[in-house]
Amino acid sequence: MAAKKKPQHDDNTIAQNRKARHEFFIEEKFEAGLVLEGWEVKSLREGKCQLSDSYVLLRDGEAWLSNALVTALKTASTHIVPRPQRDRKLLLKKPELNKLIGAVERKGYTLIPLSMYWKRGNAKLQVALAKGKQSHDKRATIKERDWQRDKARLFKQLN
């Protein structure tokens, strides 16, 4: 029986949160490490991660990734009970964490995960400080994106 090939990625991206850019105005981005268990690392190497409904919580001066789905492989160990949606601790430097806590508590920002990727063998999470969009903002974004697409199409036809 032939071994399954790992999914090939152009870059080292594991998962992306595509809804985030549609739902929020992205203000500032941060890179955070993750505290993972062994079975989670193996699952991430296979690309079994979903960030679409996840968010970042700030508890007791620490940041936690919540509601991110990491599906366990069928070859996971029998003596471990995998929990696919457990809270995972984020590793941030103290000044970054203080800045995020201040922005979330005082200014009304939200912390959302944008993407998960590999960096020098470690799983990293790109976290964004964001403000929520209202429906008219979303419509304006869609209208602007459609206009840019039509404009590029017109320029291509003229050349």
C-alpha atoms as a PDB file:
ATOM      1  CA  MET A   1       0.000   0.000   0.000  1.00  0.00           C
ATOM      2  CA  ALA A   2       1.412   3.370  -1.024  1.00  0.00           C
ATOM      3  CA  ALA A   3       2.029   6.034   1.601  1.00  0.00           C
ATOM      4  CA  LYS A   4      -0.143   9.132   1.438  1.00  0.00           C
ATOM      5  CA  LYS A   5       1.592  12.291   0.301  1.00  0.00           C
ATOM      6  CA  LYS A   6       1.507  15.340   2.515  1.00  0.00           C
ATOM      7  CA  PRO A   7      -0.325  18.337   1.030  1.00  0.00           C
ATOM      8  CA  GLN A   8       2.063  20.627  -0.787  1.00  0.00           C
ATOM      9  CA  HIS A   9       1.891  24.312   0.144  1.00  0.00           C
ATOM     10  CA  ASP A  10       3.649  27.118  -1.679  1.00  0.00           C
ATOM     11  CA  ASP A  11       4.383  28.745   1.652  1.00  0.00           C
ATOM     12  CA  ASN A  12       4.268  27.263   5.114  1.00  0.00           C
ATOM     13  CA  THR A  13       0.624  28.113   5.768  1.00  0.00           C
ATOM     14  CA  ILE A  14      -1.345  25.579   7.790  1.00  0.00           C
ATOM     15  CA  ALA A  15      -4.726  27.345   7.927  1.00  0.00           C
ATOM     16  CA  GLN A  16      -6.239  30.754   7.214  1.00  0.00           C
ATOM     17  CA  ASN A  17      -9.235  32.572   8.609  1.00  0.00           C
ATOM     18  CA  ARG A  18     -10.764  33.933   5.380  1.00  0.00           C
ATOM     19  CA  LYS A  19     -13.854  35.360   7.089  1.00  0.00           C
ATOM     20  CA  ALA A  20     -11.753  37.615   9.303  1.00  0.00           C
ATOM     21  CA  ARG A  21     -10.932  40.185   6.616  1.00  0.00           C
ATOM     22  CA  HIS A  22     -14.581  40.328   5.591  1.00  0.00           C
ATOM     23  CA  GLU A  23     -15.943  40.711   9.126  1.00  0.00           C
ATOM     24  CA  PHE A  24     -13.323  43.041  10.664  1.00  0.00           C
ATOM     25  CA  PHE A  25     -11.112  46.067  10.006  1.00  0.00           C
ATOM     26  CA  ILE A  26      -7.565  44.831  10.681  1.00  0.00           C
ATOM     27  CA  GLU A  27      -5.603  47.425  12.671  1.00  0.00           C
ATOM     28  CA  GLU A  28      -2.388  45.686  13.758  1.00  0.00           C
ATOM     29  CA  LYS A  29      -0.896  42.180  13.450  1.00  0.00           C
ATOM     30  CA  PHE A  30       1.132  40.159  15.953  1.00  0.00           C
ATOM     31  CA  GLU A  31       2.925  36.819  15.750  1.00  0.00           C
ATOM     32  CA  ALA A  32       2.401  34.360  18.588  1.00  0.00           C
ATOM     33  CA  GLY A  33       3.682  30.897  19.330  1.00  0.00           C
ATOM     34  CA  LEU A  34       1.374  28.084  20.423  1.00  0.00           C
ATOM     35  CA  VAL A  35       1.541  25.565  23.253  1.00  0.00           C
ATOM     36  CA  LEU A  36       0.605  22.282  21.559  1.00  0.00           C
ATOM     37  CA  GLU A  37       0.448  18.603  22.409  1.00  0.00           C
ATOM     38  CA  GLY A  38       2.203  15.960  20.318  1.00  0.00           C
ATOM     39  CA  TRP A  39      -0.894  14.725  18.482  1.00  0.00           C
ATOM     40  CA  GLU A  40      -1.781  18.336  17.581  1.00  0.00           C
ATOM     41  CA  VAL A  41       1.582  18.911  15.926  1.00  0.00           C
ATOM     42  CA  LYS A  42       1.138  15.776  13.818  1.00  0.00           C
ATOM     43  CA  SER A  43      -2.354  16.895  12.816  1.00  0.00           C
ATOM     44  CA  LEU A  44      -1.095  20.366  11.886  1.00  0.00           C
ATOM     45  CA  ARG A  45       1.601  18.812   9.693  1.00  0.00           C
ATOM     46  CA  GLU A  46      -1.217  17.078   7.799  1.00  0.00           C
ATOM     47  CA  GLY A  47      -3.135  20.378   7.547  1.00  0.00           C
ATOM     48  CA  LYS A  48      -6.037  19.302   9.790  1.00  0.00           C
ATOM     49  CA  CYS A  49      -6.796  22.723  11.298  1.00  0.00           C
ATOM     50  CA  GLN A  50      -9.685  25.159  10.996  1.00  0.00           C
ATOM     51  CA  LEU A  51      -9.673  28.761  12.264  1.00  0.00           C
ATOM     52  CA  SER A  52     -12.949  30.045  10.820  1.00  0.00           C
ATOM     53  CA  ASP A  53     -14.927  30.319  14.089  1.00  0.00           C
ATOM     54  CA  SER A  54     -12.012  30.810  16.460  1.00  0.00           C
ATOM     55  CA  TYR A  55     -11.132  33.819  18.579  1.00  0.00           C
ATOM     56  CA  VAL A  56      -8.528  34.932  21.115  1.00  0.00           C
ATOM     57  CA  LEU A  57      -9.382  35.389  24.803  1.00  0.00           C
ATOM     58  CA  LEU A  58      -7.403  37.312  27.402  1.00  0.00           C
ATOM     59  CA  ARG A  59      -7.543  35.629  30.831  1.00  0.00           C
ATOM     60  CA  ASP A  60      -5.357  36.267  33.877  1.00  0.00           C
ATOM     61  CA  GLY A  61      -2.819  38.240  31.865  1.00  0.00           C
ATOM     62  CA  GLU A  62      -2.442  35.488  29.244  1.00  0.00           C
ATOM     63  CA  ALA A  63      -3.752  35.030  25.703  1.00  0.00           C
ATOM     64  CA  TRP A  64      -5.653  31.859  24.730  1.00  0.00           C
ATOM     65  CA  LEU A  65      -6.768  30.607  21.310  1.00  0.00           C
ATOM     66  CA  SER A  66     -10.301  29.359  21.712  1.00  0.00           C
ATOM     67  CA  ASN A  67     -12.611  27.332  19.463  1.00  0.00           C
ATOM     68  CA  ALA A  68      -9.913  26.446  16.896  1.00  0.00           C
ATOM     69  CA  LEU A  69     -10.551  22.977  15.512  1.00  0.00           C
ATOM     70  CA  VAL A  70      -7.537  20.652  15.254  1.00  0.00           C
ATOM     71  CA  THR A  71      -8.810  17.285  14.096  1.00  0.00           C
ATOM     72  CA  ALA A  72      -6.984  14.274  15.499  1.00  0.00           C
ATOM     73  CA  LEU A  73      -5.468  11.771  13.090  1.00  0.00           C
ATOM     74  CA  LYS A  74      -6.749   8.220  13.062  1.00  0.00           C
ATOM     75  CA  THR A  75      -3.265   7.076  14.073  1.00  0.00           C
ATOM     76  CA  ALA A  76      -3.350   9.036  17.354  1.00  0.00           C
ATOM     77  CA  SER A  77      -2.176   7.181  20.411  1.00  0.00           C
ATOM     78  CA  THR A  78      -4.708   5.057  22.281  1.00  0.00           C
ATOM     79  CA  HIS A  79      -3.776   6.310  25.760  1.00  0.00           C
ATOM     80  CA  ILE A  80      -4.508   9.972  24.900  1.00  0.00           C
ATOM     81  CA  VAL A  81      -8.023  11.364  24.568  1.00  0.00           C
ATOM     82  CA  PRO A  82      -7.757  14.162  21.994  1.00  0.00           C
ATOM     83  CA  ARG A  83      -9.913  17.243  22.513  1.00  0.00           C
ATOM     84  CA  PRO A  84     -10.157  18.965  19.100  1.00  0.00           C
ATOM     85  CA  GLN A  85     -11.449  22.337  20.368  1.00  0.00           C
ATOM     86  CA  ARG A  86      -9.517  22.836  23.579  1.00  0.00           C
ATOM     87  CA  ASP A  87      -8.136  26.264  24.507  1.00  0.00           C
ATOM     88  CA  ARG A  88      -4.496  26.643  23.492  1.00  0.00           C
ATOM     89  CA  LYS A  89      -2.146  29.077  25.193  1.00  0.00           C
ATOM     90  CA  LEU A  90      -0.512  31.728  23.006  1.00  0.00           C
ATOM     91  CA  LEU A  91       3.090  32.715  23.619  1.00  0.00           C
ATOM     92  CA  LEU A  92       3.543  36.489  23.399  1.00  0.00           C
ATOM     93  CA  LYS A  93       6.120  38.850  24.841  1.00  0.00           C
ATOM     94  CA  LYS A  94       5.030  40.854  27.885  1.00  0.00           C
ATOM     95  CA  PRO A  95       4.978  44.293  26.147  1.00  0.00           C
ATOM     96  CA  GLU A  96       2.907  42.879  23.282  1.00  0.00           C
ATOM     97  CA  LEU A  97       0.508  41.254  25.746  1.00  0.00           C
ATOM     98  CA  ASN A  98       0.151  44.493  27.728  1.00  0.00           C
ATOM     99  CA  LYS A  99      -0.574  46.413  24.529  1.00  0.00           C
ATOM    100  CA  LEU A 100      -3.239  43.882  23.498  1.00  0.00           C
ATOM    101  CA  ILE A 101      -4.864  43.873  26.933  1.00  0.00           C
ATOM    102  CA  GLY A 102      -5.024  47.677  26.942  1.00  0.00           C
ATOM    103  CA  ALA A 103      -6.516  47.856  23.443  1.00  0.00           C
ATOM    104  CA  VAL A 104      -9.137  45.188  24.113  1.00  0.00           C
ATOM    105  CA  GLU A 105     -10.218  46.472  27.544  1.00  0.00           C
ATOM    106  CA  ARG A 106     -10.080  50.230  26.960  1.00  0.00           C
ATOM    107  CA  LYS A 107     -10.541  50.833  23.252  1.00  0.00           C
ATOM    108  CA  GLY A 108     -13.035  48.096  22.363  1.00  0.00           C
ATOM    109  CA  TYR A 109     -10.886  46.117  19.945  1.00  0.00           C
ATOM    110  CA  THR A 110     -11.211  42.398  19.291  1.00  0.00           C
ATOM    111  CA  LEU A 111      -8.444  39.820  18.940  1.00  0.00           C
ATOM    112  CA  ILE A 112      -8.865  37.427  16.026  1.00  0.00           C
ATOM    113  CA  PRO A 113      -6.574  34.778  14.519  1.00  0.00           C
ATOM    114  CA  LEU A 114      -5.728  35.401  10.856  1.00  0.00           C
ATOM    115  CA  SER A 115      -3.524  32.472   9.920  1.00  0.00           C
ATOM    116  CA  MET A 116      -1.467  29.610  11.285  1.00  0.00           C
ATOM    117  CA  TYR A 117       1.869  28.726   9.704  1.00  0.00           C
ATOM    118  CA  TRP A 118       5.226  27.046  10.238  1.00  0.00           C
ATOM    119  CA  LYS A 119       8.275  29.147  11.014  1.00  0.00           C
ATOM    120  CA  ARG A 120      11.584  27.327  11.511  1.00  0.00           C
ATOM    121  CA  GLY A 121       9.755  24.157  12.588  1.00  0.00           C
ATOM    122  CA  ASN A 122       7.477  25.908  15.093  1.00  0.00           C
ATOM    123  CA  ALA A 123       3.758  26.544  14.663  1.00  0.00           C
ATOM    124  CA  LYS A 124       2.982  30.263  14.747  1.00  0.00           C
ATOM    125  CA  LEU A 125      -0.330  32.100  14.801  1.00  0.00           C
ATOM    126  CA  GLN A 126      -0.861  35.529  13.288  1.00  0.00           C
ATOM    127  CA  VAL A 127      -3.183  37.446  15.612  1.00  0.00           C
ATOM    128  CA  ALA A 128      -4.827  40.716  14.612  1.00  0.00           C
ATOM    129  CA  LEU A 129      -6.156  43.603  16.646  1.00  0.00           C
ATOM    130  CA  ALA A 130      -9.406  44.397  14.861  1.00  0.00           C
ATOM    131  CA  LYS A 131     -12.650  46.382  14.947  1.00  0.00           C
ATOM    132  CA  GLY A 132     -15.900  44.842  13.747  1.00  0.00           C
ATOM    133  CA  LYS A 133     -17.457  45.934  10.459  1.00  0.00           C
ATOM    134  CA  GLN A 134     -21.103  46.842  10.098  1.00  0.00           C
ATOM    135  CA  SER A 135     -23.178  45.636   7.144  1.00  0.00           C
ATOM    136  CA  HIS A 136     -22.802  48.891   5.189  1.00  0.00           C
ATOM    137  CA  ASP A 137     -19.017  48.668   5.607  1.00  0.00           C
ATOM    138  CA  LYS A 138     -19.073  45.121   4.222  1.00  0.00           C
ATOM    139  CA  ARG A 139     -21.113  46.238   1.221  1.00  0.00           C
ATOM    140  CA  ALA A 140     -18.680  49.086   0.558  1.00  0.00           C
ATOM    141  CA  THR A 141     -15.748  46.661   0.690  1.00  0.00           C
ATOM    142  CA  ILE A 142     -17.450  44.314  -1.782  1.00  0.00           C
ATOM    143  CA  LYS A 143     -18.287  47.238  -4.081  1.00  0.00           C
ATOM    144  CA  GLU A 144     -14.676  48.478  -3.997  1.00  0.00           C
ATOM    145  CA  ARG A 145     -13.308  44.992  -4.701  1.00  0.00           C
ATOM    146  CA  ASP A 146     -15.701  44.577  -7.674  1.00  0.00           C
ATOM    147  CA  TRP A 147     -14.688  47.978  -9.047  1.00  0.00           C
ATOM    148  CA  GLN A 148     -10.977  47.104  -8.805  1.00  0.00           C
ATOM    149  CA  ARG A 149     -11.642  43.828 -10.647  1.00  0.00           C
ATOM    150  CA  ASP A 150     -13.636  45.599 -13.393  1.00  0.00           C
ATOM    151  CA  LYS A 151     -10.991  48.304 -13.707  1.00  0.00           C
ATOM    152  CA  ALA A 152      -8.241  45.699 -14.143  1.00  0.00           C
ATOM    153  CA  ARG A 153     -10.371  43.945 -16.765  1.00  0.00           C
ATOM    154  CA  LEU A 154     -10.881  47.211 -18.701  1.00  0.00           C
ATOM    155  CA  PHE A 155      -7.174  48.063 -18.646  1.00  0.00           C
ATOM    156  CA  LYS A 156      -6.359  44.562 -19.873  1.00  0.00           C
ATOM    157  CA  GLN A 157      -8.798  44.943 -22.804  1.00  0.00           C
ATOM    158  CA  LEU A 158      -7.316  48.345 -23.771  1.00  0.00           C
ATOM    159  CA  ASN A 159      -3.762  46.978 -23.828  1.00  0.00           C
END
